[in-house]
Amino acid sequence: MYTIYVIELSRKVYSENQKFREANPQYNGVLECVYVGMTSKTPKQRYEQHKKGLKSKRGHNIASRIVQKFGMYLRPSLYQHLPKIKSRAEALKAEEQLALELRRKRYAVWYN
């Protein structure tokens, strides 16, 4: 089972990360900067993995550098209404849908 989660990012990400800025031309500075992800762990466990900069057994980075550097805390109010999802493919689609929905609402959003 997979869970979609949202992490609030420091607003510094917008001024310090050009790719983040380019991905969010709709951002007007009113709402927050956030990261949307999906996990088979709890959102808290996944957030801690990001912050620690964990790598897989093969040496691949499994932590988002944006979350590692700019992540502040989980935002359950933006994801707790979503159901658990059975397949990874469906979870990836739901992650993207939530990210795009938040962008339409004028959040600045990063997702993979």
PDB file of N, CA and C in Angstrom:
ATOM      1  N   MET A   1       0.842  -1.189   0.000  1.00  0.00           N
ATOM      2  CA  MET A   1       0.000   0.000   0.000  1.00  0.00           C
ATOM      3  C   MET A   1       0.882   1.247   0.000  1.00  0.00           C
ATOM      4  N   TYR A   2       0.415   2.262  -0.695  1.00  0.00           N
ATOM      5  CA  TYR A   2       1.165   3.516  -0.826  1.00  0.00           C
ATOM      6  C   TYR A   2       0.354   4.686  -0.279  1.00  0.00           C
ATOM      7  N   THR A   3       1.065   5.661   0.219  1.00  0.00           N
ATOM      8  CA  THR A   3       0.477   6.887   0.745  1.00  0.00           C
ATOM      9  C   THR A   3       1.085   8.075   0.015  1.00  0.00           C
ATOM     10  N   ILE A   4       0.264   9.022  -0.342  1.00  0.00           N
ATOM     11  CA  ILE A   4       0.740  10.291  -0.895  1.00  0.00           C
ATOM     12  C   ILE A   4       0.963  11.219   0.295  1.00  0.00           C
ATOM     13  N   TYR A   5       2.041  11.990   0.256  1.00  0.00           N
ATOM     14  CA  TYR A   5       2.340  12.901   1.362  1.00  0.00           C
ATOM     15  C   TYR A   5       2.834  14.240   0.824  1.00  0.00           C
ATOM     16  N   VAL A   6       2.783  15.253   1.681  1.00  0.00           N
ATOM     17  CA  VAL A   6       3.215  16.602   1.321  1.00  0.00           C
ATOM     18  C   VAL A   6       4.118  17.138   2.425  1.00  0.00           C
ATOM     19  N   ILE A   7       5.245  17.714   2.017  1.00  0.00           N
ATOM     20  CA  ILE A   7       6.196  18.324   2.938  1.00  0.00           C
ATOM     21  C   ILE A   7       6.287  19.810   2.616  1.00  0.00           C
ATOM     22  N   GLU A   8       6.163  20.633   3.646  1.00  0.00           N
ATOM     23  CA  GLU A   8       6.355  22.065   3.424  1.00  0.00           C
ATOM     24  C   GLU A   8       7.845  22.349   3.347  1.00  0.00           C
ATOM     25  N   LEU A   9       8.199  23.180   2.378  1.00  0.00           N
ATOM     26  CA  LEU A   9       9.585  23.570   2.152  1.00  0.00           C
ATOM     27  C   LEU A   9       9.790  25.021   2.574  1.00  0.00           C
ATOM     28  N   SER A  10      10.993  25.340   2.959  1.00  0.00           N
ATOM     29  CA  SER A  10      11.347  26.728   3.232  1.00  0.00           C
ATOM     30  C   SER A  10      11.169  27.534   1.945  1.00  0.00           C
ATOM     31  N   ARG A  11      10.717  28.757   2.065  1.00  0.00           N
ATOM     32  CA  ARG A  11      10.561  29.617   0.875  1.00  0.00           C
ATOM     33  C   ARG A  11      11.897  29.927   0.215  1.00  0.00           C
ATOM     34  N   LYS A  12      12.984  29.660   0.906  1.00  0.00           N
ATOM     35  CA  LYS A  12      14.320  29.858   0.320  1.00  0.00           C
ATOM     36  C   LYS A  12      14.498  29.008  -0.931  1.00  0.00           C
ATOM     37  N   VAL A  13      13.778  27.876  -1.017  1.00  0.00           N
ATOM     38  CA  VAL A  13      13.903  27.009  -2.182  1.00  0.00           C
ATOM     39  C   VAL A  13      13.560  27.780  -3.453  1.00  0.00           C
ATOM     40  N   TYR A  14      12.604  28.695  -3.369  1.00  0.00           N
ATOM     41  CA  TYR A  14      12.182  29.442  -4.559  1.00  0.00           C
ATOM     42  C   TYR A  14      13.283  30.397  -5.021  1.00  0.00           C
ATOM     43  N   SER A  15      13.949  31.032  -4.106  1.00  0.00           N
ATOM     44  CA  SER A  15      14.990  31.989  -4.494  1.00  0.00           C
ATOM     45  C   SER A  15      16.332  31.311  -4.774  1.00  0.00           C
ATOM     46  N   GLU A  16      16.576  30.154  -4.170  1.00  0.00           N
ATOM     47  CA  GLU A  16      17.887  29.525  -4.287  1.00  0.00           C
ATOM     48  C   GLU A  16      17.969  28.391  -5.306  1.00  0.00           C
ATOM     49  N   ASN A  17      16.834  27.914  -5.820  1.00  0.00           N
ATOM     50  CA  ASN A  17      16.850  26.770  -6.723  1.00  0.00           C
ATOM     51  C   ASN A  17      16.170  27.143  -8.039  1.00  0.00           C
ATOM     52  N   GLN A  18      16.970  27.328  -9.084  1.00  0.00           N
ATOM     53  CA  GLN A  18      16.443  27.768 -10.375  1.00  0.00           C
ATOM     54  C   GLN A  18      15.458  26.777 -10.982  1.00  0.00           C
ATOM     55  N   LYS A  19      15.732  25.466 -10.884  1.00  0.00           N
ATOM     56  CA  LYS A  19      14.815  24.469 -11.448  1.00  0.00           C
ATOM     57  C   LYS A  19      13.455  24.528 -10.753  1.00  0.00           C
ATOM     58  N   PHE A  20      13.472  24.725  -9.430  1.00  0.00           N
ATOM     59  CA  PHE A  20      12.219  24.846  -8.684  1.00  0.00           C
ATOM     60  C   PHE A  20      11.445  26.075  -9.163  1.00  0.00           C
ATOM     61  N   ARG A  21      12.136  27.187  -9.316  1.00  0.00           N
ATOM     62  CA  ARG A  21      11.509  28.434  -9.782  1.00  0.00           C
ATOM     63  C   ARG A  21      10.913  28.246 -11.177  1.00  0.00           C
ATOM     64  N   GLU A  22      11.683  27.630 -12.065  1.00  0.00           N
ATOM     65  CA  GLU A  22      11.214  27.409 -13.444  1.00  0.00           C
ATOM     66  C   GLU A  22      10.010  26.483 -13.502  1.00  0.00           C
ATOM     67  N   ALA A  23       9.908  25.545 -12.578  1.00  0.00           N
ATOM     68  CA  ALA A  23       8.782  24.602 -12.548  1.00  0.00           C
ATOM     69  C   ALA A  23       7.510  25.237 -12.007  1.00  0.00           C
ATOM     70  N   ASN A  24       7.625  26.448 -11.446  1.00  0.00           N
ATOM     71  CA  ASN A  24       6.485  27.075 -10.772  1.00  0.00           C
ATOM     72  C   ASN A  24       6.257  28.528 -11.202  1.00  0.00           C
ATOM     73  N   PRO A  25       6.032  28.757 -12.500  1.00  0.00           N
ATOM     74  CA  PRO A  25       5.815  30.135 -12.950  1.00  0.00           C
ATOM     75  C   PRO A  25       4.522  30.749 -12.407  1.00  0.00           C
ATOM     76  N   GLN A  26       3.599  29.919 -11.933  1.00  0.00           N
ATOM     77  CA  GLN A  26       2.319  30.389 -11.402  1.00  0.00           C
ATOM     78  C   GLN A  26       2.439  30.925  -9.981  1.00  0.00           C
ATOM     79  N   TYR A  27       3.554  30.686  -9.323  1.00  0.00           N
ATOM     80  CA  TYR A  27       3.710  31.009  -7.898  1.00  0.00           C
ATOM     81  C   TYR A  27       3.758  32.519  -7.689  1.00  0.00           C
ATOM     82  N   ASN A  28       2.928  32.984  -6.741  1.00  0.00           N
ATOM     83  CA  ASN A  28       2.861  34.424  -6.477  1.00  0.00           C
ATOM     84  C   ASN A  28       3.369  34.799  -5.086  1.00  0.00           C
ATOM     85  N   GLY A  29       3.916  33.832  -4.356  1.00  0.00           N
ATOM     86  CA  GLY A  29       4.497  34.115  -3.048  1.00  0.00           C
ATOM     87  C   GLY A  29       3.515  34.123  -1.892  1.00  0.00           C
ATOM     88  N   VAL A  30       2.234  33.873  -2.163  1.00  0.00           N
ATOM     89  CA  VAL A  30       1.230  33.920  -1.105  1.00  0.00           C
ATOM     90  C   VAL A  30       1.169  32.584  -0.353  1.00  0.00           C
ATOM     91  N   LEU A  31       1.014  31.484  -1.082  1.00  0.00           N
ATOM     92  CA  LEU A  31       0.939  30.171  -0.445  1.00  0.00           C
ATOM     93  C   LEU A  31       2.343  29.591  -0.268  1.00  0.00           C
ATOM     94  N   GLU A  32       2.418  28.394   0.274  1.00  0.00           N
ATOM     95  CA  GLU A  32       3.688  27.786   0.618  1.00  0.00           C
ATOM     96  C   GLU A  32       4.339  27.079  -0.567  1.00  0.00           C
ATOM     97  N   CYS A  33       5.614  26.750  -0.373  1.00  0.00           N
ATOM     98  CA  CYS A  33       6.365  25.878  -1.263  1.00  0.00           C
ATOM     99  C   CYS A  33       6.277  24.481  -0.660  1.00  0.00           C
ATOM    100  N   VAL A  34       5.973  23.473  -1.489  1.00  0.00           N
ATOM    101  CA  VAL A  34       5.783  22.119  -0.979  1.00  0.00           C
ATOM    102  C   VAL A  34       6.410  21.080  -1.901  1.00  0.00           C
ATOM    103  N   TYR A  35       6.650  19.913  -1.327  1.00  0.00           N
ATOM    104  CA  TYR A  35       7.105  18.735  -2.058  1.00  0.00           C
ATOM    105  C   TYR A  35       6.002  17.691  -1.930  1.00  0.00           C
ATOM    106  N   VAL A  36       5.640  17.055  -3.037  1.00  0.00           N
ATOM    107  CA  VAL A  36       4.642  15.982  -3.026  1.00  0.00           C
ATOM    108  C   VAL A  36       5.353  14.685  -3.386  1.00  0.00           C
ATOM    109  N   GLY A  37       5.124  13.655  -2.577  1.00  0.00           N
ATOM    110  CA  GLY A  37       5.733  12.363  -2.840  1.00  0.00           C
ATOM    111  C   GLY A  37       4.781  11.234  -2.529  1.00  0.00           C
ATOM    112  N   MET A  38       5.253  10.019  -2.784  1.00  0.00           N
ATOM    113  CA  MET A  38       4.471   8.834  -2.443  1.00  0.00           C
ATOM    114  C   MET A  38       5.405   7.838  -1.796  1.00  0.00           C
ATOM    115  N   THR A  39       4.866   7.021  -0.890  1.00  0.00           N
ATOM    116  CA  THR A  39       5.700   6.091  -0.145  1.00  0.00           C
ATOM    117  C   THR A  39       4.928   4.858   0.283  1.00  0.00           C
ATOM    118  N   SER A  40       5.669   3.773   0.488  1.00  0.00           N
ATOM    119  CA  SER A  40       5.072   2.569   1.079  1.00  0.00           C
ATOM    120  C   SER A  40       5.316   2.570   2.590  1.00  0.00           C
ATOM    121  N   LYS A  41       6.073   3.517   3.070  1.00  0.00           N
ATOM    122  CA  LYS A  41       6.333   3.689   4.502  1.00  0.00           C
ATOM    123  C   LYS A  41       5.319   4.691   5.055  1.00  0.00           C
ATOM    124  N   THR A  42       5.466   5.072   6.312  1.00  0.00           N
ATOM    125  CA  THR A  42       4.625   6.158   6.810  1.00  0.00           C
ATOM    126  C   THR A  42       5.208   7.472   6.291  1.00  0.00           C
ATOM    127  N   PRO A  43       4.396   8.507   6.143  1.00  0.00           N
ATOM    128  CA  PRO A  43       4.952   9.793   5.721  1.00  0.00           C
ATOM    129  C   PRO A  43       6.079  10.281   6.639  1.00  0.00           C
ATOM    130  N   LYS A  44       5.943  10.033   7.936  1.00  0.00           N
ATOM    131  CA  LYS A  44       6.990  10.461   8.874  1.00  0.00           C
ATOM    132  C   LYS A  44       8.307   9.734   8.595  1.00  0.00           C
ATOM    133  N   GLN A  45       8.240   8.419   8.378  1.00  0.00           N
ATOM    134  CA  GLN A  45       9.452   7.650   8.076  1.00  0.00           C
ATOM    135  C   GLN A  45      10.099   8.150   6.785  1.00  0.00           C
ATOM    136  N   ARG A  46       9.272   8.424   5.788  1.00  0.00           N
ATOM    137  CA  ARG A  46       9.809   8.879   4.497  1.00  0.00           C
ATOM    138  C   ARG A  46      10.440  10.256   4.626  1.00  0.00           C
ATOM    139  N   TYR A  47       9.802  11.146   5.386  1.00  0.00           N
ATOM    140  CA  TYR A  47      10.359  12.476   5.617  1.00  0.00           C
ATOM    141  C   TYR A  47      11.747  12.353   6.274  1.00  0.00           C
ATOM    142  N   GLU A  48      11.860  11.477   7.261  1.00  0.00           N
ATOM    143  CA  GLU A  48      13.145  11.288   7.943  1.00  0.00           C
ATOM    144  C   GLU A  48      14.207  10.745   6.997  1.00  0.00           C
ATOM    145  N   GLN A  49      13.817   9.871   6.057  1.00  0.00           N
ATOM    146  CA  GLN A  49      14.766   9.378   5.054  1.00  0.00           C
ATOM    147  C   GLN A  49      15.289  10.536   4.196  1.00  0.00           C
ATOM    148  N   HIS A  50      14.378  11.404   3.779  1.00  0.00           N
ATOM    149  CA  HIS A  50      14.790  12.568   2.985  1.00  0.00           C
ATOM    150  C   HIS A  50      15.784  13.420   3.762  1.00  0.00           C
ATOM    151  N   LYS A  51      15.448  13.737   5.001  1.00  0.00           N
ATOM    152  CA  LYS A  51      16.282  14.641   5.790  1.00  0.00           C
ATOM    153  C   LYS A  51      17.668  14.051   6.076  1.00  0.00           C
ATOM    154  N   LYS A  52      17.748  12.720   6.198  1.00  0.00           N
ATOM    155  CA  LYS A  52      19.034  12.061   6.449  1.00  0.00           C
ATOM    156  C   LYS A  52      19.840  11.865   5.161  1.00  0.00           C
ATOM    157  N   GLY A  53      19.215  12.088   4.006  1.00  0.00           N
ATOM    158  CA  GLY A  53      19.919  11.906   2.734  1.00  0.00           C
ATOM    159  C   GLY A  53      20.260  10.460   2.432  1.00  0.00           C
ATOM    160  N   LEU A  54      19.362   9.537   2.778  1.00  0.00           N
ATOM    161  CA  LEU A  54      19.644   8.109   2.623  1.00  0.00           C
ATOM    162  C   LEU A  54      19.849   7.690   1.173  1.00  0.00           C
ATOM    163  N   LYS A  55      20.663   6.650   1.027  1.00  0.00           N
ATOM    164  CA  LYS A  55      20.926   6.047  -0.275  1.00  0.00           C
ATOM    165  C   LYS A  55      20.465   4.595  -0.237  1.00  0.00           C
ATOM    166  N   SER A  56      20.162   4.048  -1.401  1.00  0.00           N
ATOM    167  CA  SER A  56      19.768   2.640  -1.495  1.00  0.00           C
ATOM    168  C   SER A  56      20.999   1.760  -1.310  1.00  0.00           C
ATOM    169  N   LYS A  57      20.786   0.456  -1.225  1.00  0.00           N
ATOM    170  CA  LYS A  57      21.897  -0.488  -1.078  1.00  0.00           C
ATOM    171  C   LYS A  57      22.849  -0.414  -2.273  1.00  0.00           C
ATOM    172  N   ARG A  58      22.338   0.002  -3.407  1.00  0.00           N
ATOM    173  CA  ARG A  58      23.168   0.126  -4.615  1.00  0.00           C
ATOM    174  C   ARG A  58      23.837   1.499  -4.725  1.00  0.00           C
ATOM    175  N   GLY A  59      23.605   2.344  -3.727  1.00  0.00           N
ATOM    176  CA  GLY A  59      24.247   3.651  -3.730  1.00  0.00           C
ATOM    177  C   GLY A  59      23.455   4.760  -4.403  1.00  0.00           C
ATOM    178  N   HIS A  60      22.232   4.459  -4.813  1.00  0.00           N
ATOM    179  CA  HIS A  60      21.375   5.469  -5.437  1.00  0.00           C
ATOM    180  C   HIS A  60      20.745   6.339  -4.362  1.00  0.00           C
ATOM    181  N   ASN A  61      20.674   7.614  -4.630  1.00  0.00           N
ATOM    182  CA  ASN A  61      20.072   8.543  -3.675  1.00  0.00           C
ATOM    183  C   ASN A  61      18.560   8.323  -3.652  1.00  0.00           C
ATOM    184  N   ILE A  62      18.004   7.992  -2.488  1.00  0.00           N
ATOM    185  CA  ILE A  62      16.552   7.830  -2.376  1.00  0.00           C
ATOM    186  C   ILE A  62      15.921   9.031  -1.679  1.00  0.00           C
ATOM    187  N   ALA A  63      16.759  10.000  -1.341  1.00  0.00           N
ATOM    188  CA  ALA A  63      16.270  11.221  -0.701  1.00  0.00           C
ATOM    189  C   ALA A  63      16.248  12.339  -1.734  1.00  0.00           C
ATOM    190  N   SER A  64      15.230  13.148  -1.668  1.00  0.00           N
ATOM    191  CA  SER A  64      15.169  14.333  -2.524  1.00  0.00           C
ATOM    192  C   SER A  64      16.103  15.384  -1.942  1.00  0.00           C
ATOM    193  N   ARG A  65      17.002  15.893  -2.763  1.00  0.00           N
ATOM    194  CA  ARG A  65      17.916  16.940  -2.288  1.00  0.00           C
ATOM    195  C   ARG A  65      17.154  18.190  -1.879  1.00  0.00           C
ATOM    196  N   ILE A  66      16.064  18.460  -2.577  1.00  0.00           N
ATOM    197  CA  ILE A  66      15.255  19.635  -2.227  1.00  0.00           C
ATOM    198  C   ILE A  66      14.674  19.471  -0.825  1.00  0.00           C
ATOM    199  N   VAL A  67      14.157  18.290  -0.511  1.00  0.00           N
ATOM    200  CA  VAL A  67      13.605  18.059   0.832  1.00  0.00           C
ATOM    201  C   VAL A  67      14.732  18.035   1.862  1.00  0.00           C
ATOM    202  N   GLN A  68      15.838  17.405   1.513  1.00  0.00           N
ATOM    203  CA  GLN A  68      16.957  17.332   2.464  1.00  0.00           C
ATOM    204  C   GLN A  68      17.403  18.734   2.872  1.00  0.00           C
ATOM    205  N   LYS A  69      17.496  19.643   1.909  1.00  0.00           N
ATOM    206  CA  LYS A  69      17.986  20.992   2.193  1.00  0.00           C
ATOM    207  C   LYS A  69      16.900  21.942   2.700  1.00  0.00           C
ATOM    208  N   PHE A  70      15.692  21.857   2.134  1.00  0.00           N
ATOM    209  CA  PHE A  70      14.664  22.858   2.411  1.00  0.00           C
ATOM    210  C   PHE A  70      13.435  22.330   3.155  1.00  0.00           C
ATOM    211  N   GLY A  71      13.335  21.006   3.370  1.00  0.00           N
ATOM    212  CA  GLY A  71      12.152  20.433   4.026  1.00  0.00           C
ATOM    213  C   GLY A  71      12.030  20.888   5.467  1.00  0.00           C
ATOM    214  N   MET A  72      10.809  21.286   5.851  1.00  0.00           N
ATOM    215  CA  MET A  72      10.574  21.767   7.218  1.00  0.00           C
ATOM    216  C   MET A  72       9.709  20.809   8.019  1.00  0.00           C
ATOM    217  N   TYR A  73       8.571  20.382   7.468  1.00  0.00           N
ATOM    218  CA  TYR A  73       7.681  19.473   8.193  1.00  0.00           C
ATOM    219  C   TYR A  73       6.600  18.957   7.252  1.00  0.00           C
ATOM    220  N   LEU A  74       5.933  17.886   7.693  1.00  0.00           N
ATOM    221  CA  LEU A  74       4.822  17.311   6.931  1.00  0.00           C
ATOM    222  C   LEU A  74       3.607  18.227   7.006  1.00  0.00           C
ATOM    223  N   ARG A  75       2.791  18.205   5.942  1.00  0.00           N
ATOM    224  CA  ARG A  75       1.550  18.979   5.888  1.00  0.00           C
ATOM    225  C   ARG A  75       0.364  18.034   5.704  1.00  0.00           C
ATOM    226  N   PRO A  76      -0.029  17.293   6.766  1.00  0.00           N
ATOM    227  CA  PRO A  76      -1.117  16.314   6.637  1.00  0.00           C
ATOM    228  C   PRO A  76      -2.424  16.907   6.122  1.00  0.00           C
ATOM    229  N   SER A  77      -2.693  18.160   6.409  1.00  0.00           N
ATOM    230  CA  SER A  77      -3.959  18.753   5.950  1.00  0.00           C
ATOM    231  C   SER A  77      -4.067  18.760   4.426  1.00  0.00           C
ATOM    232  N   LEU A  78      -2.942  18.632   3.735  1.00  0.00           N
ATOM    233  CA  LEU A  78      -2.962  18.634   2.273  1.00  0.00           C
ATOM    234  C   LEU A  78      -3.028  17.231   1.668  1.00  0.00           C
ATOM    235  N   TYR A  79      -2.896  16.180   2.512  1.00  0.00           N
ATOM    236  CA  TYR A  79      -2.926  14.829   1.949  1.00  0.00           C
ATOM    237  C   TYR A  79      -3.742  13.809   2.748  1.00  0.00           C
ATOM    238  N   GLN A  80      -4.103  14.096   3.983  1.00  0.00           N
ATOM    239  CA  GLN A  80      -4.748  13.064   4.811  1.00  0.00           C
ATOM    240  C   GLN A  80      -6.116  12.633   4.282  1.00  0.00           C
ATOM    241  N   HIS A  81      -6.712  13.422   3.413  1.00  0.00           N
ATOM    242  CA  HIS A  81      -8.009  13.058   2.828  1.00  0.00           C
ATOM    243  C   HIS A  81      -7.877  11.998   1.721  1.00  0.00           C
ATOM    244  N   LEU A  82      -6.654  11.739   1.273  1.00  0.00           N
ATOM    245  CA  LEU A  82      -6.444  10.796   0.171  1.00  0.00           C
ATOM    246  C   LEU A  82      -6.411   9.359   0.679  1.00  0.00           C
ATOM    247  N   PRO A  83      -6.983   8.432  -0.085  1.00  0.00           N
ATOM    248  CA  PRO A  83      -6.964   7.029   0.346  1.00  0.00           C
ATOM    249  C   PRO A  83      -5.588   6.394   0.119  1.00  0.00           C
ATOM    250  N   LYS A  84      -5.352   5.278   0.787  1.00  0.00           N
ATOM    251  CA  LYS A  84      -4.154   4.467   0.510  1.00  0.00           C
ATOM    252  C   LYS A  84      -4.335   3.879  -0.889  1.00  0.00           C
ATOM    253  N   ILE A  85      -3.231   3.651  -1.563  1.00  0.00           N
ATOM    254  CA  ILE A  85      -3.274   3.191  -2.949  1.00  0.00           C
ATOM    255  C   ILE A  85      -2.537   1.859  -3.051  1.00  0.00           C
ATOM    256  N   LYS A  86      -3.116   0.923  -3.812  1.00  0.00           N
ATOM    257  CA  LYS A  86      -2.569  -0.429  -3.872  1.00  0.00           C
ATOM    258  C   LYS A  86      -1.335  -0.563  -4.760  1.00  0.00           C
ATOM    259  N   SER A  87      -1.341   0.041  -5.920  1.00  0.00           N
ATOM    260  CA  SER A  87      -0.220  -0.183  -6.842  1.00  0.00           C
ATOM    261  C   SER A  87       0.690   1.042  -6.946  1.00  0.00           C
ATOM    262  N   ARG A  88       1.960   0.773  -7.238  1.00  0.00           N
ATOM    263  CA  ARG A  88       2.948   1.847  -7.393  1.00  0.00           C
ATOM    264  C   ARG A  88       2.562   2.766  -8.561  1.00  0.00           C
ATOM    265  N   ALA A  89       2.108   2.170  -9.651  1.00  0.00           N
ATOM    266  CA  ALA A  89       1.729   2.961 -10.828  1.00  0.00           C
ATOM    267  C   ALA A  89       0.584   3.927 -10.495  1.00  0.00           C
ATOM    268  N   GLU A  90      -0.417   3.433  -9.770  1.00  0.00           N
ATOM    269  CA  GLU A  90      -1.531   4.301  -9.374  1.00  0.00           C
ATOM    270  C   GLU A  90      -1.056   5.394  -8.419  1.00  0.00           C
ATOM    271  N   ALA A  91      -0.116   5.053  -7.526  1.00  0.00           N
ATOM    272  CA  ALA A  91       0.403   6.025  -6.570  1.00  0.00           C
ATOM    273  C   ALA A  91       1.177   7.135  -7.286  1.00  0.00           C
ATOM    274  N   LEU A  92       1.956   6.755  -8.290  1.00  0.00           N
ATOM    275  CA  LEU A  92       2.693   7.767  -9.061  1.00  0.00           C
ATOM    276  C   LEU A  92       1.733   8.720  -9.762  1.00  0.00           C
ATOM    277  N   LYS A  93       0.653   8.176 -10.287  1.00  0.00           N
ATOM    278  CA  LYS A  93      -0.349   9.004 -10.957  1.00  0.00           C
ATOM    279  C   LYS A  93      -1.034   9.931  -9.948  1.00  0.00           C
ATOM    280  N   ALA A  94      -1.379   9.402  -8.777  1.00  0.00           N
ATOM    281  CA  ALA A  94      -2.031  10.212  -7.740  1.00  0.00           C
ATOM    282  C   ALA A  94      -1.093  11.306  -7.225  1.00  0.00           C
ATOM    283  N   GLU A  95       0.199  10.988  -7.116  1.00  0.00           N
ATOM    284  CA  GLU A  95       1.201  11.978  -6.699  1.00  0.00           C
ATOM    285  C   GLU A  95       1.206  13.154  -7.679  1.00  0.00           C
ATOM    286  N   GLU A  96       1.262  12.836  -8.963  1.00  0.00           N
ATOM    287  CA  GLU A  96       1.271  13.880  -9.982  1.00  0.00           C
ATOM    288  C   GLU A  96      -0.032  14.685  -9.963  1.00  0.00           C
ATOM    289  N   GLN A  97      -1.162  14.005  -9.804  1.00  0.00           N
ATOM    290  CA  GLN A  97      -2.453  14.700  -9.775  1.00  0.00           C
ATOM    291  C   GLN A  97      -2.527  15.684  -8.615  1.00  0.00           C
ATOM    292  N   LEU A  98      -2.069  15.273  -7.427  1.00  0.00           N
ATOM    293  CA  LEU A  98      -2.089  16.175  -6.284  1.00  0.00           C
ATOM    294  C   LEU A  98      -1.134  17.350  -6.516  1.00  0.00           C
ATOM    295  N   ALA A  99       0.045  17.063  -7.042  1.00  0.00           N
ATOM    296  CA  ALA A  99       1.016  18.129  -7.301  1.00  0.00           C
ATOM    297  C   ALA A  99       0.433  19.168  -8.257  1.00  0.00           C
ATOM    298  N   LEU A 100      -0.190  18.713  -9.324  1.00  0.00           N
ATOM    299  CA  LEU A 100      -0.764  19.641 -10.305  1.00  0.00           C
ATOM    300  C   LEU A 100      -1.958  20.403  -9.725  1.00  0.00           C
ATOM    301  N   GLU A 101      -2.750  19.722  -8.895  1.00  0.00           N
ATOM    302  CA  GLU A 101      -3.874  20.390  -8.222  1.00  0.00           C
ATOM    303  C   GLU A 101      -3.362  21.512  -7.311  1.00  0.00           C
ATOM    304  N   LEU A 102      -2.304  21.234  -6.557  1.00  0.00           N
ATOM    305  CA  LEU A 102      -1.742  22.258  -5.672  1.00  0.00           C
ATOM    306  C   LEU A 102      -1.144  23.418  -6.484  1.00  0.00           C
ATOM    307  N   ARG A 103      -0.526  23.108  -7.615  1.00  0.00           N
ATOM    308  CA  ARG A 103      -0.015  24.186  -8.478  1.00  0.00           C
ATOM    309  C   ARG A 103      -1.159  25.060  -8.987  1.00  0.00           C
ATOM    310  N   ARG A 104      -2.259  24.432  -9.367  1.00  0.00           N
ATOM    311  CA  ARG A 104      -3.417  25.216  -9.836  1.00  0.00           C
ATOM    312  C   ARG A 104      -3.917  26.154  -8.742  1.00  0.00           C
ATOM    313  N   LYS A 105      -3.754  25.726  -7.493  1.00  0.00           N
ATOM    314  CA  LYS A 105      -4.172  26.569  -6.346  1.00  0.00           C
ATOM    315  C   LYS A 105      -3.109  27.611  -6.003  1.00  0.00           C
ATOM    316  N   ARG A 106      -1.975  27.609  -6.739  1.00  0.00           N
ATOM    317  CA  ARG A 106      -0.887  28.575  -6.635  1.00  0.00           C
ATOM    318  C   ARG A 106       0.126  28.292  -5.541  1.00  0.00           C
ATOM    319  N   TYR A 107       0.198  27.029  -5.115  1.00  0.00           N
ATOM    320  CA  TYR A 107       1.350  26.592  -4.318  1.00  0.00           C
ATOM    321  C   TYR A 107       2.519  26.465  -5.278  1.00  0.00           C
ATOM    322  N   ALA A 108       3.737  26.556  -4.761  1.00  0.00           N
ATOM    323  CA  ALA A 108       4.923  26.198  -5.536  1.00  0.00           C
ATOM    324  C   ALA A 108       5.221  24.745  -5.175  1.00  0.00           C
ATOM    325  N   VAL A 109       5.288  23.864  -6.171  1.00  0.00           N
ATOM    326  CA  VAL A 109       5.318  22.421  -5.925  1.00  0.00           C
ATOM    327  C   VAL A 109       6.488  21.754  -6.644  1.00  0.00           C
ATOM    328  N   TRP A 110       7.127  20.816  -5.942  1.00  0.00           N
ATOM    329  CA  TRP A 110       8.122  19.941  -6.552  1.00  0.00           C
ATOM    330  C   TRP A 110       7.669  18.513  -6.349  1.00  0.00           C
ATOM    331  N   TYR A 111       7.774  17.708  -7.392  1.00  0.00           N
ATOM    332  CA  TYR A 111       7.485  16.270  -7.301  1.00  0.00           C
ATOM    333  C   TYR A 111       8.347  15.576  -8.342  1.00  0.00           C
ATOM    334  N   ASN A 112       8.520  14.259  -8.191  1.00  0.00           N
ATOM    335  CA  ASN A 112       9.386  13.518  -9.124  1.00  0.00           C
ATOM    336  C   ASN A 112       8.583  12.761 -10.146  1.00  0.00           C
TER     337      ASN A 112
END
